[in-house]
Amino acid sequence: MTITTDTQQLSVNNQPITPTDSLQYRAIGRLWGRYVPSNELIYKGQLITVDGVILDAILQKRASKIVQAQLDLSRDYLWTVYPRTLLSPNGIGLSVSLISVRKPSEDTESVQTEFQSLADNFSVQGVVVYLDYEFGIVEVKIQREPRMNLEPVAHYHLR
């Protein structure tokens, strides 16, 4: 993995994932994997990437409609995700909010290969609060603006 100071542009069908505002803080990316819902709720589950990484996942409204209507959950797909860090007794972990899924219109091997090549890319825009070149660690603070004056500011740290 290469760490750069430039905002990475991700594209599917020449549609880059870019912030709507140059001062907008956010983290977004794409992962290739299979969603496995929990036994209790379809909205909570795990995303299992093709290289075996298991991430806690929450389906957002738009993605849940697609999953319930037309996805074969035994297959891998290209997911657009918001990464989130979790504080747990084991340290800091990673979870994802699944915001959309790209289902190939054709199930050919070349289309799947093209979709897989777009996976594992993230665009993070925020404030760098910690940097360690030796170990390749960058901690970025993502701060969501409050929706109302009474709502507290939410802070997310990506590591």
N, C-alpha and C. Protein backbone atom coordinates (compact mmCIF):
# COMPACT_ATOMS: atom_id res chain seq x y z
N MET A 1 0.84 -1.17 0.00
CA MET A 1 0.00 0.00 0.00
C MET A 1 0.88 1.23 0.00
N THR A 2 0.54 2.19 -0.81
CA THR A 2 1.29 3.42 -0.89
C THR A 2 0.50 4.54 -0.25
N ILE A 3 1.15 5.33 0.56
CA ILE A 3 0.51 6.45 1.22
C ILE A 3 0.94 7.72 0.50
N THR A 4 -0.03 8.49 0.04
CA THR A 4 0.27 9.75 -0.62
C THR A 4 -0.50 10.87 0.06
N THR A 5 -0.13 12.09 -0.20
CA THR A 5 -0.85 13.21 0.38
C THR A 5 -1.93 13.71 -0.56
N ASP A 6 -2.01 13.18 -1.75
CA ASP A 6 -3.03 13.60 -2.70
C ASP A 6 -4.31 12.81 -2.48
N THR A 7 -5.45 13.44 -2.77
CA THR A 7 -6.73 12.73 -2.72
C THR A 7 -6.75 11.75 -3.88
N GLN A 8 -7.03 10.49 -3.56
CA GLN A 8 -7.09 9.46 -4.58
C GLN A 8 -8.44 9.53 -5.27
N GLN A 9 -8.45 9.41 -6.58
CA GLN A 9 -9.70 9.40 -7.34
C GLN A 9 -10.03 7.96 -7.70
N LEU A 10 -11.25 7.53 -7.37
CA LEU A 10 -11.72 6.19 -7.69
C LEU A 10 -12.74 6.32 -8.81
N SER A 11 -12.70 5.42 -9.77
CA SER A 11 -13.68 5.56 -10.83
C SER A 11 -14.26 4.21 -11.21
N VAL A 12 -15.55 4.21 -11.40
CA VAL A 12 -16.28 3.12 -12.00
C VAL A 12 -17.07 3.76 -13.12
N ASN A 13 -16.87 3.30 -14.33
CA ASN A 13 -17.53 3.89 -15.49
C ASN A 13 -17.27 5.40 -15.55
N ASN A 14 -16.03 5.80 -15.26
CA ASN A 14 -15.61 7.20 -15.31
C ASN A 14 -16.37 8.10 -14.36
N GLN A 15 -16.89 7.54 -13.26
CA GLN A 15 -17.57 8.34 -12.24
C GLN A 15 -16.71 8.33 -10.98
N PRO A 16 -15.88 9.36 -10.79
CA PRO A 16 -14.99 9.36 -9.63
C PRO A 16 -15.75 9.60 -8.33
N ILE A 17 -15.21 9.07 -7.25
CA ILE A 17 -15.72 9.38 -5.92
C ILE A 17 -14.93 10.59 -5.45
N THR A 18 -15.58 11.73 -5.46
CA THR A 18 -14.91 12.95 -5.05
C THR A 18 -15.77 13.68 -4.05
N PRO A 19 -15.15 14.46 -3.17
CA PRO A 19 -15.94 15.24 -2.23
C PRO A 19 -16.72 16.34 -2.96
N THR A 20 -17.88 16.68 -2.40
CA THR A 20 -18.67 17.74 -3.02
C THR A 20 -18.14 19.11 -2.64
N ASP A 21 -17.32 19.17 -1.62
CA ASP A 21 -16.77 20.43 -1.13
C ASP A 21 -15.31 20.18 -0.79
N SER A 22 -14.43 21.10 -1.13
CA SER A 22 -13.01 20.90 -0.87
C SER A 22 -12.71 20.81 0.62
N LEU A 23 -13.60 21.32 1.48
CA LEU A 23 -13.39 21.25 2.92
C LEU A 23 -14.16 20.11 3.56
N GLN A 24 -14.81 19.27 2.75
CA GLN A 24 -15.59 18.16 3.28
C GLN A 24 -14.66 17.06 3.78
N TYR A 25 -14.84 16.64 5.03
CA TYR A 25 -14.08 15.53 5.58
C TYR A 25 -14.91 14.28 5.40
N ARG A 26 -14.29 13.23 4.86
CA ARG A 26 -14.99 11.97 4.69
C ARG A 26 -14.01 10.88 4.29
N ALA A 27 -14.45 9.65 4.47
CA ALA A 27 -13.69 8.49 4.02
C ALA A 27 -14.67 7.59 3.29
N ILE A 28 -14.28 7.17 2.10
CA ILE A 28 -15.14 6.31 1.28
C ILE A 28 -14.23 5.40 0.47
N GLY A 29 -14.73 4.22 0.17
CA GLY A 29 -13.91 3.30 -0.60
C GLY A 29 -14.73 2.20 -1.24
N ARG A 30 -14.03 1.28 -1.89
CA ARG A 30 -14.68 0.16 -2.55
C ARG A 30 -13.98 -1.13 -2.14
N LEU A 31 -14.81 -2.13 -1.84
CA LEU A 31 -14.31 -3.45 -1.46
C LEU A 31 -15.03 -4.52 -2.27
N TRP A 32 -14.29 -5.56 -2.63
CA TRP A 32 -14.86 -6.70 -3.35
C TRP A 32 -15.04 -7.82 -2.33
N GLY A 33 -16.29 -8.25 -2.14
CA GLY A 33 -16.52 -9.30 -1.16
C GLY A 33 -17.97 -9.75 -1.12
N ARG A 34 -18.22 -10.63 -0.15
CA ARG A 34 -19.53 -11.26 0.01
C ARG A 34 -20.13 -10.80 1.33
N TYR A 35 -21.37 -10.34 1.28
CA TYR A 35 -22.08 -9.91 2.49
C TYR A 35 -22.82 -11.09 3.09
N VAL A 36 -22.61 -11.29 4.39
CA VAL A 36 -23.29 -12.36 5.12
C VAL A 36 -24.10 -11.70 6.23
N PRO A 37 -25.45 -11.68 6.10
CA PRO A 37 -26.26 -11.05 7.15
C PRO A 37 -26.27 -11.89 8.42
N SER A 38 -26.52 -11.23 9.55
CA SER A 38 -26.64 -11.96 10.81
C SER A 38 -27.95 -12.75 10.79
N ASN A 39 -28.08 -13.68 11.72
CA ASN A 39 -29.31 -14.48 11.80
C ASN A 39 -30.50 -13.63 12.25
N GLU A 40 -30.23 -12.57 13.01
CA GLU A 40 -31.31 -11.75 13.57
C GLU A 40 -31.79 -10.68 12.60
N LEU A 41 -30.87 -9.93 11.99
CA LEU A 41 -31.23 -8.79 11.14
C LEU A 41 -30.45 -8.83 9.84
N ILE A 42 -31.14 -8.54 8.74
CA ILE A 42 -30.44 -8.49 7.44
C ILE A 42 -29.55 -7.25 7.37
N TYR A 43 -29.84 -6.21 8.16
CA TYR A 43 -29.11 -4.95 8.09
C TYR A 43 -27.75 -5.01 8.78
N LYS A 44 -27.54 -6.00 9.62
CA LYS A 44 -26.25 -6.17 10.29
C LYS A 44 -25.65 -7.50 9.86
N GLY A 45 -24.34 -7.50 9.67
CA GLY A 45 -23.70 -8.74 9.27
C GLY A 45 -22.21 -8.55 9.13
N GLN A 46 -21.64 -9.29 8.18
CA GLN A 46 -20.20 -9.22 7.94
C GLN A 46 -19.96 -9.16 6.44
N LEU A 47 -18.91 -8.42 6.08
CA LEU A 47 -18.42 -8.42 4.70
C LEU A 47 -17.14 -9.24 4.70
N ILE A 48 -17.12 -10.28 3.90
CA ILE A 48 -15.94 -11.15 3.80
C ILE A 48 -15.28 -10.87 2.46
N THR A 49 -14.08 -10.29 2.51
CA THR A 49 -13.38 -9.95 1.27
C THR A 49 -12.79 -11.21 0.66
N VAL A 50 -12.41 -11.12 -0.61
CA VAL A 50 -11.89 -12.29 -1.31
C VAL A 50 -10.58 -12.80 -0.73
N ASP A 51 -9.85 -11.92 -0.01
CA ASP A 51 -8.61 -12.39 0.62
C ASP A 51 -8.84 -12.83 2.06
N GLY A 52 -10.10 -13.01 2.46
CA GLY A 52 -10.41 -13.62 3.75
C GLY A 52 -10.56 -12.67 4.93
N VAL A 53 -10.50 -11.36 4.71
CA VAL A 53 -10.68 -10.41 5.80
C VAL A 53 -12.17 -10.33 6.12
N ILE A 54 -12.51 -10.45 7.41
CA ILE A 54 -13.89 -10.39 7.85
C ILE A 54 -14.11 -9.07 8.58
N LEU A 55 -15.05 -8.27 8.06
CA LEU A 55 -15.34 -6.96 8.63
C LEU A 55 -16.79 -6.91 9.09
N ASP A 56 -17.03 -6.35 10.28
CA ASP A 56 -18.40 -6.10 10.69
C ASP A 56 -18.98 -5.09 9.71
N ALA A 57 -20.26 -5.30 9.33
CA ALA A 57 -20.87 -4.44 8.32
C ALA A 57 -22.30 -4.11 8.69
N ILE A 58 -22.70 -2.91 8.29
CA ILE A 58 -24.09 -2.46 8.43
C ILE A 58 -24.55 -2.02 7.05
N LEU A 59 -25.71 -2.53 6.64
CA LEU A 59 -26.29 -2.13 5.35
C LEU A 59 -27.03 -0.81 5.52
N GLN A 60 -26.70 0.16 4.71
CA GLN A 60 -27.46 1.40 4.68
C GLN A 60 -28.70 1.19 3.82
N LYS A 61 -29.63 2.12 3.87
CA LYS A 61 -30.94 1.95 3.25
C LYS A 61 -30.87 1.60 1.76
N ARG A 62 -30.08 2.35 1.00
CA ARG A 62 -30.02 2.12 -0.45
C ARG A 62 -29.46 0.72 -0.76
N ALA A 63 -28.42 0.33 -0.05
CA ALA A 63 -27.83 -1.00 -0.28
C ALA A 63 -28.77 -2.10 0.16
N SER A 64 -29.51 -1.89 1.25
CA SER A 64 -30.40 -2.95 1.74
C SER A 64 -31.53 -3.23 0.76
N LYS A 65 -32.00 -2.20 0.07
CA LYS A 65 -33.05 -2.42 -0.94
C LYS A 65 -32.54 -3.31 -2.07
N ILE A 66 -31.30 -3.07 -2.50
CA ILE A 66 -30.71 -3.88 -3.58
C ILE A 66 -30.49 -5.31 -3.09
N VAL A 67 -29.97 -5.46 -1.87
CA VAL A 67 -29.70 -6.79 -1.32
C VAL A 67 -30.99 -7.59 -1.20
N GLN A 68 -32.03 -6.99 -0.69
CA GLN A 68 -33.30 -7.70 -0.50
C GLN A 68 -33.98 -8.03 -1.82
N ALA A 69 -33.79 -7.18 -2.82
CA ALA A 69 -34.52 -7.36 -4.08
C ALA A 69 -33.83 -8.27 -5.09
N GLN A 70 -32.49 -8.20 -5.19
CA GLN A 70 -31.91 -8.84 -6.36
C GLN A 70 -30.52 -9.44 -6.20
N LEU A 71 -30.00 -9.60 -5.00
CA LEU A 71 -28.64 -10.14 -4.88
C LEU A 71 -28.63 -11.59 -4.42
N ASP A 72 -27.75 -12.34 -5.03
CA ASP A 72 -27.45 -13.70 -4.59
C ASP A 72 -26.33 -13.56 -3.56
N LEU A 73 -26.66 -13.72 -2.27
CA LEU A 73 -25.69 -13.46 -1.21
C LEU A 73 -24.58 -14.51 -1.10
N SER A 74 -24.59 -15.50 -1.97
CA SER A 74 -23.49 -16.47 -1.98
C SER A 74 -22.35 -16.02 -2.90
N ARG A 75 -22.52 -14.86 -3.55
CA ARG A 75 -21.52 -14.36 -4.51
C ARG A 75 -20.84 -13.10 -4.00
N ASP A 76 -19.70 -12.77 -4.62
CA ASP A 76 -18.96 -11.55 -4.30
C ASP A 76 -19.43 -10.42 -5.21
N TYR A 77 -19.42 -9.20 -4.64
CA TYR A 77 -19.81 -8.00 -5.38
C TYR A 77 -18.87 -6.86 -5.03
N LEU A 78 -18.96 -5.78 -5.82
CA LEU A 78 -18.20 -4.56 -5.55
C LEU A 78 -19.08 -3.64 -4.69
N TRP A 79 -18.63 -3.38 -3.45
CA TRP A 79 -19.37 -2.57 -2.49
C TRP A 79 -18.71 -1.21 -2.33
N THR A 80 -19.52 -0.17 -2.25
CA THR A 80 -19.03 1.15 -1.87
C THR A 80 -19.30 1.28 -0.38
N VAL A 81 -18.26 1.66 0.38
CA VAL A 81 -18.36 1.60 1.84
C VAL A 81 -17.84 2.87 2.49
N TYR A 82 -18.37 3.13 3.67
CA TYR A 82 -17.78 4.10 4.59
C TYR A 82 -17.05 3.30 5.66
N PRO A 83 -15.73 3.43 5.77
CA PRO A 83 -15.02 2.71 6.84
C PRO A 83 -15.23 3.40 8.17
N ARG A 84 -15.29 2.61 9.24
CA ARG A 84 -15.44 3.13 10.60
C ARG A 84 -14.48 2.37 11.51
N THR A 85 -13.89 3.06 12.45
CA THR A 85 -13.04 2.39 13.43
C THR A 85 -13.87 2.07 14.65
N LEU A 86 -13.56 0.94 15.26
CA LEU A 86 -14.24 0.49 16.47
C LEU A 86 -13.24 0.37 17.59
N LEU A 87 -13.60 0.87 18.74
CA LEU A 87 -12.78 0.65 19.93
C LEU A 87 -13.32 -0.58 20.62
N SER A 88 -12.46 -1.56 20.84
CA SER A 88 -12.86 -2.79 21.50
C SER A 88 -11.80 -3.18 22.51
N PRO A 89 -12.08 -4.16 23.35
CA PRO A 89 -11.06 -4.62 24.31
C PRO A 89 -9.78 -5.11 23.63
N ASN A 90 -9.89 -5.53 22.37
CA ASN A 90 -8.73 -6.03 21.61
C ASN A 90 -7.96 -4.92 20.91
N GLY A 91 -8.39 -3.69 21.07
CA GLY A 91 -7.72 -2.57 20.39
C GLY A 91 -8.67 -1.89 19.43
N ILE A 92 -8.12 -1.36 18.35
CA ILE A 92 -8.93 -0.68 17.35
C ILE A 92 -9.18 -1.62 16.20
N GLY A 93 -10.45 -1.75 15.85
CA GLY A 93 -10.84 -2.59 14.73
C GLY A 93 -11.49 -1.76 13.64
N LEU A 94 -11.85 -2.40 12.56
CA LEU A 94 -12.44 -1.70 11.43
C LEU A 94 -13.79 -2.33 11.12
N SER A 95 -14.78 -1.49 10.86
CA SER A 95 -16.07 -1.94 10.37
C SER A 95 -16.42 -1.09 9.17
N VAL A 96 -17.46 -1.48 8.45
CA VAL A 96 -17.86 -0.72 7.27
C VAL A 96 -19.36 -0.54 7.24
N SER A 97 -19.78 0.61 6.72
CA SER A 97 -21.18 0.84 6.38
C SER A 97 -21.28 0.66 4.88
N LEU A 98 -22.11 -0.28 4.46
CA LEU A 98 -22.26 -0.59 3.04
C LEU A 98 -23.31 0.37 2.46
N ILE A 99 -22.87 1.28 1.60
CA ILE A 99 -23.81 2.28 1.10
C ILE A 99 -24.37 1.95 -0.27
N SER A 100 -23.65 1.18 -1.06
CA SER A 100 -24.20 0.73 -2.34
C SER A 100 -23.41 -0.48 -2.82
N VAL A 101 -23.97 -1.14 -3.81
CA VAL A 101 -23.34 -2.33 -4.36
C VAL A 101 -23.48 -2.27 -5.88
N ARG A 102 -22.42 -2.68 -6.56
CA ARG A 102 -22.43 -2.75 -8.02
C ARG A 102 -22.60 -4.20 -8.43
N LYS A 103 -23.72 -4.49 -9.02
CA LYS A 103 -23.97 -5.82 -9.54
C LYS A 103 -23.67 -5.79 -11.03
N PRO A 104 -22.74 -6.63 -11.49
CA PRO A 104 -22.41 -6.60 -12.92
C PRO A 104 -23.65 -6.91 -13.77
N SER A 105 -23.83 -6.15 -14.85
CA SER A 105 -24.95 -6.42 -15.74
C SER A 105 -24.73 -7.72 -16.50
N GLU A 106 -23.47 -8.07 -16.68
CA GLU A 106 -23.09 -9.35 -17.29
C GLU A 106 -22.22 -10.10 -16.29
N ASP A 107 -22.37 -11.41 -16.25
CA ASP A 107 -21.56 -12.20 -15.33
C ASP A 107 -20.39 -12.87 -16.05
N THR A 108 -19.72 -12.14 -16.91
CA THR A 108 -18.57 -12.70 -17.60
C THR A 108 -17.33 -12.53 -16.73
N GLU A 109 -16.33 -13.32 -17.00
CA GLU A 109 -15.09 -13.26 -16.22
C GLU A 109 -14.39 -11.92 -16.40
N SER A 110 -14.44 -11.35 -17.61
CA SER A 110 -13.77 -10.07 -17.84
C SER A 110 -14.44 -8.93 -17.07
N VAL A 111 -15.77 -8.96 -16.95
CA VAL A 111 -16.48 -7.93 -16.18
C VAL A 111 -16.13 -8.07 -14.70
N GLN A 112 -16.12 -9.30 -14.19
CA GLN A 112 -15.74 -9.52 -12.78
C GLN A 112 -14.31 -9.07 -12.53
N THR A 113 -13.40 -9.35 -13.45
CA THR A 113 -12.01 -8.93 -13.30
C THR A 113 -11.90 -7.41 -13.27
N GLU A 114 -12.69 -6.73 -14.12
CA GLU A 114 -12.69 -5.27 -14.13
C GLU A 114 -13.19 -4.72 -12.79
N PHE A 115 -14.27 -5.29 -12.26
CA PHE A 115 -14.81 -4.84 -10.97
C PHE A 115 -13.81 -5.11 -9.85
N GLN A 116 -13.16 -6.28 -9.87
CA GLN A 116 -12.18 -6.60 -8.83
C GLN A 116 -11.01 -5.63 -8.86
N SER A 117 -10.64 -5.14 -10.04
CA SER A 117 -9.51 -4.21 -10.13
C SER A 117 -9.85 -2.86 -9.50
N LEU A 118 -11.12 -2.55 -9.36
CA LEU A 118 -11.54 -1.29 -8.75
C LEU A 118 -11.64 -1.37 -7.23
N ALA A 119 -11.56 -2.58 -6.69
CA ALA A 119 -11.71 -2.78 -5.24
C ALA A 119 -10.43 -2.41 -4.50
N ASP A 120 -10.57 -2.34 -3.18
CA ASP A 120 -9.46 -2.06 -2.26
C ASP A 120 -8.86 -0.68 -2.49
N ASN A 121 -9.68 0.26 -2.87
CA ASN A 121 -9.26 1.65 -3.02
C ASN A 121 -10.12 2.51 -2.11
N PHE A 122 -9.45 3.43 -1.42
CA PHE A 122 -10.15 4.33 -0.51
C PHE A 122 -9.69 5.76 -0.76
N SER A 123 -10.60 6.68 -0.56
CA SER A 123 -10.30 8.10 -0.61
C SER A 123 -10.64 8.65 0.77
N VAL A 124 -9.64 9.21 1.44
CA VAL A 124 -9.82 9.74 2.79
C VAL A 124 -9.44 11.20 2.77
N GLN A 125 -10.32 12.04 3.26
CA GLN A 125 -10.05 13.47 3.33
C GLN A 125 -10.39 13.92 4.75
N GLY A 126 -9.39 14.41 5.46
CA GLY A 126 -9.57 14.86 6.83
C GLY A 126 -8.31 15.53 7.33
N VAL A 127 -8.13 15.51 8.64
CA VAL A 127 -6.97 16.12 9.26
C VAL A 127 -6.03 15.01 9.75
N VAL A 128 -4.78 15.03 9.32
CA VAL A 128 -3.81 14.05 9.78
C VAL A 128 -3.42 14.41 11.20
N VAL A 129 -3.67 13.48 12.15
CA VAL A 129 -3.36 13.73 13.55
C VAL A 129 -2.16 12.91 14.03
N TYR A 130 -1.77 11.89 13.26
CA TYR A 130 -0.60 11.09 13.62
C TYR A 130 -0.01 10.50 12.34
N LEU A 131 1.31 10.50 12.26
CA LEU A 131 1.99 10.00 11.07
C LEU A 131 3.26 9.30 11.50
N ASP A 132 3.46 8.06 11.01
CA ASP A 132 4.68 7.30 11.30
C ASP A 132 5.15 6.69 9.97
N TYR A 133 6.14 7.33 9.35
CA TYR A 133 6.65 6.85 8.06
C TYR A 133 7.29 5.48 8.17
N GLU A 134 7.96 5.22 9.28
CA GLU A 134 8.68 3.95 9.43
C GLU A 134 7.74 2.75 9.36
N PHE A 135 6.57 2.86 10.00
CA PHE A 135 5.62 1.74 10.01
C PHE A 135 4.47 1.93 9.03
N GLY A 136 4.47 3.04 8.29
CA GLY A 136 3.42 3.29 7.32
C GLY A 136 2.06 3.53 7.94
N ILE A 137 2.03 4.22 9.07
CA ILE A 137 0.77 4.49 9.79
C ILE A 137 0.40 5.95 9.62
N VAL A 138 -0.84 6.17 9.21
CA VAL A 138 -1.39 7.52 9.14
C VAL A 138 -2.74 7.48 9.85
N GLU A 139 -2.92 8.36 10.83
CA GLU A 139 -4.20 8.46 11.51
C GLU A 139 -4.85 9.76 11.06
N VAL A 140 -6.08 9.63 10.54
CA VAL A 140 -6.79 10.78 9.99
C VAL A 140 -8.07 10.99 10.78
N LYS A 141 -8.30 12.24 11.17
CA LYS A 141 -9.52 12.59 11.90
C LYS A 141 -10.56 13.04 10.88
N ILE A 142 -11.69 12.34 10.91
CA ILE A 142 -12.82 12.68 10.06
C ILE A 142 -13.86 13.29 10.99
N GLN A 143 -14.23 14.54 10.77
CA GLN A 143 -15.16 15.22 11.66
C GLN A 143 -16.42 15.56 10.89
N ARG A 144 -17.53 14.96 11.31
CA ARG A 144 -18.81 15.25 10.68
C ARG A 144 -19.41 16.49 11.32
N GLU A 145 -19.90 17.39 10.50
CA GLU A 145 -20.52 18.60 11.01
C GLU A 145 -21.88 18.26 11.62
N PRO A 146 -22.27 18.92 12.70
CA PRO A 146 -23.59 18.65 13.29
C PRO A 146 -24.71 19.06 12.33
N ARG A 147 -25.79 18.27 12.33
CA ARG A 147 -26.93 18.57 11.46
C ARG A 147 -27.79 19.69 12.02
N MET A 148 -27.84 19.79 13.33
CA MET A 148 -28.57 20.87 13.99
C MET A 148 -27.65 21.48 15.04
N ASN A 149 -27.97 22.65 15.48
CA ASN A 149 -27.13 23.31 16.48
C ASN A 149 -27.02 22.53 17.77
N LEU A 150 -28.03 21.69 18.08
CA LEU A 150 -28.03 20.95 19.33
C LEU A 150 -27.27 19.64 19.26
N GLU A 151 -27.01 19.14 18.05
CA GLU A 151 -26.35 17.85 17.88
C GLU A 151 -24.84 18.00 18.12
N PRO A 152 -24.24 17.11 18.91
CA PRO A 152 -22.79 17.20 19.12
C PRO A 152 -22.02 16.82 17.85
N VAL A 153 -20.82 17.32 17.72
CA VAL A 153 -19.96 17.00 16.58
C VAL A 153 -19.47 15.58 16.73
N ALA A 154 -19.57 14.77 15.67
CA ALA A 154 -19.12 13.38 15.69
C ALA A 154 -17.68 13.34 15.15
N HIS A 155 -16.83 12.59 15.82
CA HIS A 155 -15.44 12.44 15.38
C HIS A 155 -15.19 10.97 15.04
N TYR A 156 -14.54 10.73 13.92
CA TYR A 156 -14.14 9.39 13.53
C TYR A 156 -12.65 9.42 13.28
N HIS A 157 -11.95 8.42 13.74
CA HIS A 157 -10.52 8.32 13.48
C HIS A 157 -10.29 7.09 12.64
N LEU A 158 -9.59 7.24 11.53
CA LEU A 158 -9.19 6.13 10.67
C LEU A 158 -7.71 5.92 10.84
N ARG A 159 -7.33 4.71 10.96
CA ARG A 159 -5.93 4.40 11.16
C ARG A 159 -5.48 3.40 10.14
